[in-house]
Amino acid sequence: MFVSVKERTNIIGIQKSLGAKNYFILFQFLFEAIFLCLIGGAAGIFLVFLITLIPQESLPLFLSASNVTLGLTVSVVIGILAGIIPAVLASNLDPVIAIRSK
């Protein structure tokens, strides 16, 4: 997420100069972080589902709805934790300095 903020510093400056509020920039980056983590969590749950289809007698595996919910919840929490600092830094950028950066 830090790289994403650095790559889009110029765009953030343009958005802020056009009147975007700090909370809009904050939510934009938090939403991106959460969405990326949810995609990763869903891919992991799908891989676990495929593993449960393989017949194993020594280690029986099953995937319940509570396990899926727990996995997706952990993914959202990781997305929030990984995205909160870059999102706050992006939302607090000065528009003039952000537009000038390259």
C-alpha atoms as a PDB file:
ATOM      1  CA  MET A   1       0.000   0.000   0.000  1.00  0.00           C
ATOM      2  CA  PHE A   2       2.933   2.331   0.562  1.00  0.00           C
ATOM      3  CA  VAL A   3       3.985   1.750  -3.045  1.00  0.00           C
ATOM      4  CA  SER A   4       0.445   2.412  -4.220  1.00  0.00           C
ATOM      5  CA  VAL A   5       0.410   5.732  -2.357  1.00  0.00           C
ATOM      6  CA  LYS A   6       3.831   6.708  -3.740  1.00  0.00           C
ATOM      7  CA  GLU A   7       2.806   5.853  -7.307  1.00  0.00           C
ATOM      8  CA  ARG A   8      -0.383   7.889  -7.050  1.00  0.00           C
ATOM      9  CA  THR A   9       0.907  10.885  -5.115  1.00  0.00           C
ATOM     10  CA  ASN A  10       0.396  13.111  -8.143  1.00  0.00           C
ATOM     11  CA  ILE A  11      -3.197  11.927  -8.588  1.00  0.00           C
ATOM     12  CA  ILE A  12      -3.902  12.395  -4.883  1.00  0.00           C
ATOM     13  CA  GLY A  13      -2.684  15.981  -5.165  1.00  0.00           C
ATOM     14  CA  ILE A  14      -4.997  16.608  -8.113  1.00  0.00           C
ATOM     15  CA  GLN A  15      -7.944  15.091  -6.249  1.00  0.00           C
ATOM     16  CA  LYS A  16      -7.259  17.213  -3.167  1.00  0.00           C
ATOM     17  CA  SER A  17      -6.848  20.380  -5.225  1.00  0.00           C
ATOM     18  CA  LEU A  18     -10.226  19.698  -6.825  1.00  0.00           C
ATOM     19  CA  GLY A  19     -11.853  19.517  -3.398  1.00  0.00           C
ATOM     20  CA  ALA A  20     -11.581  15.900  -2.251  1.00  0.00           C
ATOM     21  CA  LYS A  21     -11.848  15.644   1.529  1.00  0.00           C
ATOM     22  CA  ASN A  22      -9.319  13.782   3.651  1.00  0.00           C
ATOM     23  CA  TYR A  23     -11.827  11.076   4.567  1.00  0.00           C
ATOM     24  CA  PHE A  24     -12.516  10.402   0.854  1.00  0.00           C
ATOM     25  CA  ILE A  25      -8.823   9.737   0.175  1.00  0.00           C
ATOM     26  CA  LEU A  26      -8.607   7.678   3.376  1.00  0.00           C
ATOM     27  CA  PHE A  27     -11.598   5.510   2.446  1.00  0.00           C
ATOM     28  CA  GLN A  28     -10.317   5.111  -1.097  1.00  0.00           C
ATOM     29  CA  PHE A  29      -7.059   3.521   0.042  1.00  0.00           C
ATOM     30  CA  LEU A  30      -8.678   1.543   2.875  1.00  0.00           C
ATOM     31  CA  PHE A  31     -11.237   0.129   0.446  1.00  0.00           C
ATOM     32  CA  GLU A  32      -8.452  -0.898  -1.917  1.00  0.00           C
ATOM     33  CA  ALA A  33      -6.502  -2.615   0.871  1.00  0.00           C
ATOM     34  CA  ILE A  34      -9.567  -4.452   2.170  1.00  0.00           C
ATOM     35  CA  PHE A  35     -10.635  -5.492  -1.325  1.00  0.00           C
ATOM     36  CA  LEU A  36      -7.188  -6.880  -2.168  1.00  0.00           C
ATOM     37  CA  CYS A  37      -7.076  -8.824   1.096  1.00  0.00           C
ATOM     38  CA  LEU A  38     -10.581 -10.197   0.504  1.00  0.00           C
ATOM     39  CA  ILE A  39      -9.538 -11.441  -2.932  1.00  0.00           C
ATOM     40  CA  GLY A  40      -6.525 -13.148  -1.361  1.00  0.00           C
ATOM     41  CA  GLY A  41      -8.655 -14.633   1.423  1.00  0.00           C
ATOM     42  CA  ALA A  42     -11.232 -15.930  -1.057  1.00  0.00           C
ATOM     43  CA  ALA A  43      -8.473 -17.498  -3.163  1.00  0.00           C
ATOM     44  CA  GLY A  44      -7.064 -19.175  -0.047  1.00  0.00           C
ATOM     45  CA  ILE A  45     -10.471 -20.493   0.961  1.00  0.00           C
ATOM     46  CA  PHE A  46     -10.988 -21.836  -2.555  1.00  0.00           C
ATOM     47  CA  LEU A  47      -7.633 -23.655  -2.371  1.00  0.00           C
ATOM     48  CA  VAL A  48      -8.599 -25.149   0.998  1.00  0.00           C
ATOM     49  CA  PHE A  49     -11.912 -26.242  -0.527  1.00  0.00           C
ATOM     50  CA  LEU A  50     -10.025 -28.010  -3.316  1.00  0.00           C
ATOM     51  CA  ILE A  51      -7.805 -29.726  -0.746  1.00  0.00           C
ATOM     52  CA  THR A  52     -10.863 -30.951   1.168  1.00  0.00           C
ATOM     53  CA  LEU A  53     -12.034 -32.751  -1.974  1.00  0.00           C
ATOM     54  CA  ILE A  54      -8.959 -34.992  -1.930  1.00  0.00           C
ATOM     55  CA  PRO A  55      -9.775 -38.127   0.042  1.00  0.00           C
ATOM     56  CA  GLN A  56      -7.455 -38.348   3.052  1.00  0.00           C
ATOM     57  CA  GLU A  57      -7.903 -40.919   5.782  1.00  0.00           C
ATOM     58  CA  SER A  58      -5.043 -39.843   8.021  1.00  0.00           C
ATOM     59  CA  LEU A  59      -6.146 -36.193   8.303  1.00  0.00           C
ATOM     60  CA  PRO A  60      -9.840 -35.598   7.669  1.00  0.00           C
ATOM     61  CA  LEU A  61     -10.500 -32.001   6.573  1.00  0.00           C
ATOM     62  CA  PHE A  62     -13.802 -30.181   6.333  1.00  0.00           C
ATOM     63  CA  LEU A  63     -14.737 -26.614   5.534  1.00  0.00           C
ATOM     64  CA  SER A  64     -17.656 -25.134   7.443  1.00  0.00           C
ATOM     65  CA  ALA A  65     -19.404 -21.795   7.067  1.00  0.00           C
ATOM     66  CA  SER A  66     -17.885 -20.563  10.327  1.00  0.00           C
ATOM     67  CA  ASN A  67     -14.383 -21.326   9.003  1.00  0.00           C
ATOM     68  CA  VAL A  68     -15.112 -19.386   5.813  1.00  0.00           C
ATOM     69  CA  THR A  69     -16.475 -16.451   7.821  1.00  0.00           C
ATOM     70  CA  LEU A  70     -13.465 -16.523  10.133  1.00  0.00           C
ATOM     71  CA  GLY A  71     -11.073 -16.574   7.168  1.00  0.00           C
ATOM     72  CA  LEU A  72     -12.752 -13.645   5.453  1.00  0.00           C
ATOM     73  CA  THR A  73     -12.916 -11.694   8.729  1.00  0.00           C
ATOM     74  CA  VAL A  74      -9.211 -12.211   9.308  1.00  0.00           C
ATOM     75  CA  SER A  75      -8.586 -11.025   5.737  1.00  0.00           C
ATOM     76  CA  VAL A  76     -10.572  -7.827   6.350  1.00  0.00           C
ATOM     77  CA  VAL A  77      -8.716  -7.141   9.617  1.00  0.00           C
ATOM     78  CA  ILE A  78      -5.368  -7.652   7.873  1.00  0.00           C
ATOM     79  CA  GLY A  79      -6.513  -5.303   5.091  1.00  0.00           C
ATOM     80  CA  ILE A  80      -7.433  -2.623   7.606  1.00  0.00           C
ATOM     81  CA  LEU A  81      -4.154  -2.997   9.508  1.00  0.00           C
ATOM     82  CA  ALA A  82      -2.063  -3.002   6.334  1.00  0.00           C
ATOM     83  CA  GLY A  83      -3.886  -0.058   4.817  1.00  0.00           C
ATOM     84  CA  ILE A  84      -4.512   2.337   7.683  1.00  0.00           C
ATOM     85  CA  ILE A  85      -1.063   3.958   7.872  1.00  0.00           C
ATOM     86  CA  PRO A  86      -0.633   4.468   4.090  1.00  0.00           C
ATOM     87  CA  ALA A  87      -4.206   5.741   3.870  1.00  0.00           C
ATOM     88  CA  VAL A  88      -3.658   8.274   6.652  1.00  0.00           C
ATOM     89  CA  LEU A  89      -0.405   9.426   5.050  1.00  0.00           C
ATOM     90  CA  ALA A  90      -2.134   9.807   1.680  1.00  0.00           C
ATOM     91  CA  SER A  91      -5.051  11.733   3.134  1.00  0.00           C
ATOM     92  CA  ASN A  92      -2.740  14.180   4.939  1.00  0.00           C
ATOM     93  CA  LEU A  93      -0.666  15.109   1.862  1.00  0.00           C
ATOM     94  CA  ASP A  94      -0.400  18.766   0.917  1.00  0.00           C
ATOM     95  CA  PRO A  95      -1.968  19.170  -2.560  1.00  0.00           C
ATOM     96  CA  VAL A  96       0.713  21.482  -3.946  1.00  0.00           C
ATOM     97  CA  ILE A  97       3.604  19.288  -2.821  1.00  0.00           C
ATOM     98  CA  ALA A  98       1.788  16.149  -3.995  1.00  0.00           C
ATOM     99  CA  ILE A  99       1.212  17.551  -7.487  1.00  0.00           C
ATOM    100  CA  ARG A 100       4.866  18.602  -7.786  1.00  0.00           C
ATOM    101  CA  SER A 101       6.239  15.200  -6.779  1.00  0.00           C
ATOM    102  CA  LYS A 102       7.443  12.881  -9.489  1.00  0.00           C
END
